[in-house]
Amino acid sequence: MAGVQTCALPIYSFVGWDTTGDGAADYADNESLKNAEVSGELTVKPVYVPAYNVKFTSGPNGSISGRDAFAVLDRAGSAVLGDAEGGFSAPGTKPNDGYEFKGWDVDGDGAADVQDDALAALPVNGDMTITAVFDKGAAVQNVWSVTIVTNGGTTRVKIGRASCRER
């Protein structure tokens, strides 16, 4: 249909019970709420916060290993990847031969925007996919080898292509 717009609605996750009316989770689960001391009337409200999914993928020319999906709950009005449920650790990266890991693409443009050490501080304000970026190693170059063979006054030149990496 023309003119119809769609939008993604956030997913919310239950984080506890508010008993003071301030919107914060005073009790994290039903069991702790059942054991609370009550001396009068008590209003209890569930507390839900936005929940975002962060998925790591590998770009061409390499692979990733380890945990590749994280749930991040926005408990305070802002969240960073380091707040992931169960903790956060960047997936391992393994470039194919002749390539090197350049960083993580967070905006989908194919460029390495963030390095491993800065991922935990990356703001999360919606579901996102983060892709490992691999590129030709800076020290990898094509080298032409030339061999000159002389045999009784005849000279032959052999040209071959080799791959060389500075060490």
Foldseek 3Di string as FASTA:
>chain_A
DPPDDDDDDFDKDWQAKDFPPPLAHPGRDPVVVVVDDDDDDTDIDIHIFTKAKEFEAEDPQWGWDDDGIFIATPRPVWTAQQRTVPGDADTHIGGHPQKDWDAKDWPPPLDHDHHRVCRRRHIDDHYTYIYTHMDGDPQKDKDKDWDWDDDPHDIDIDIDIDIDGDD
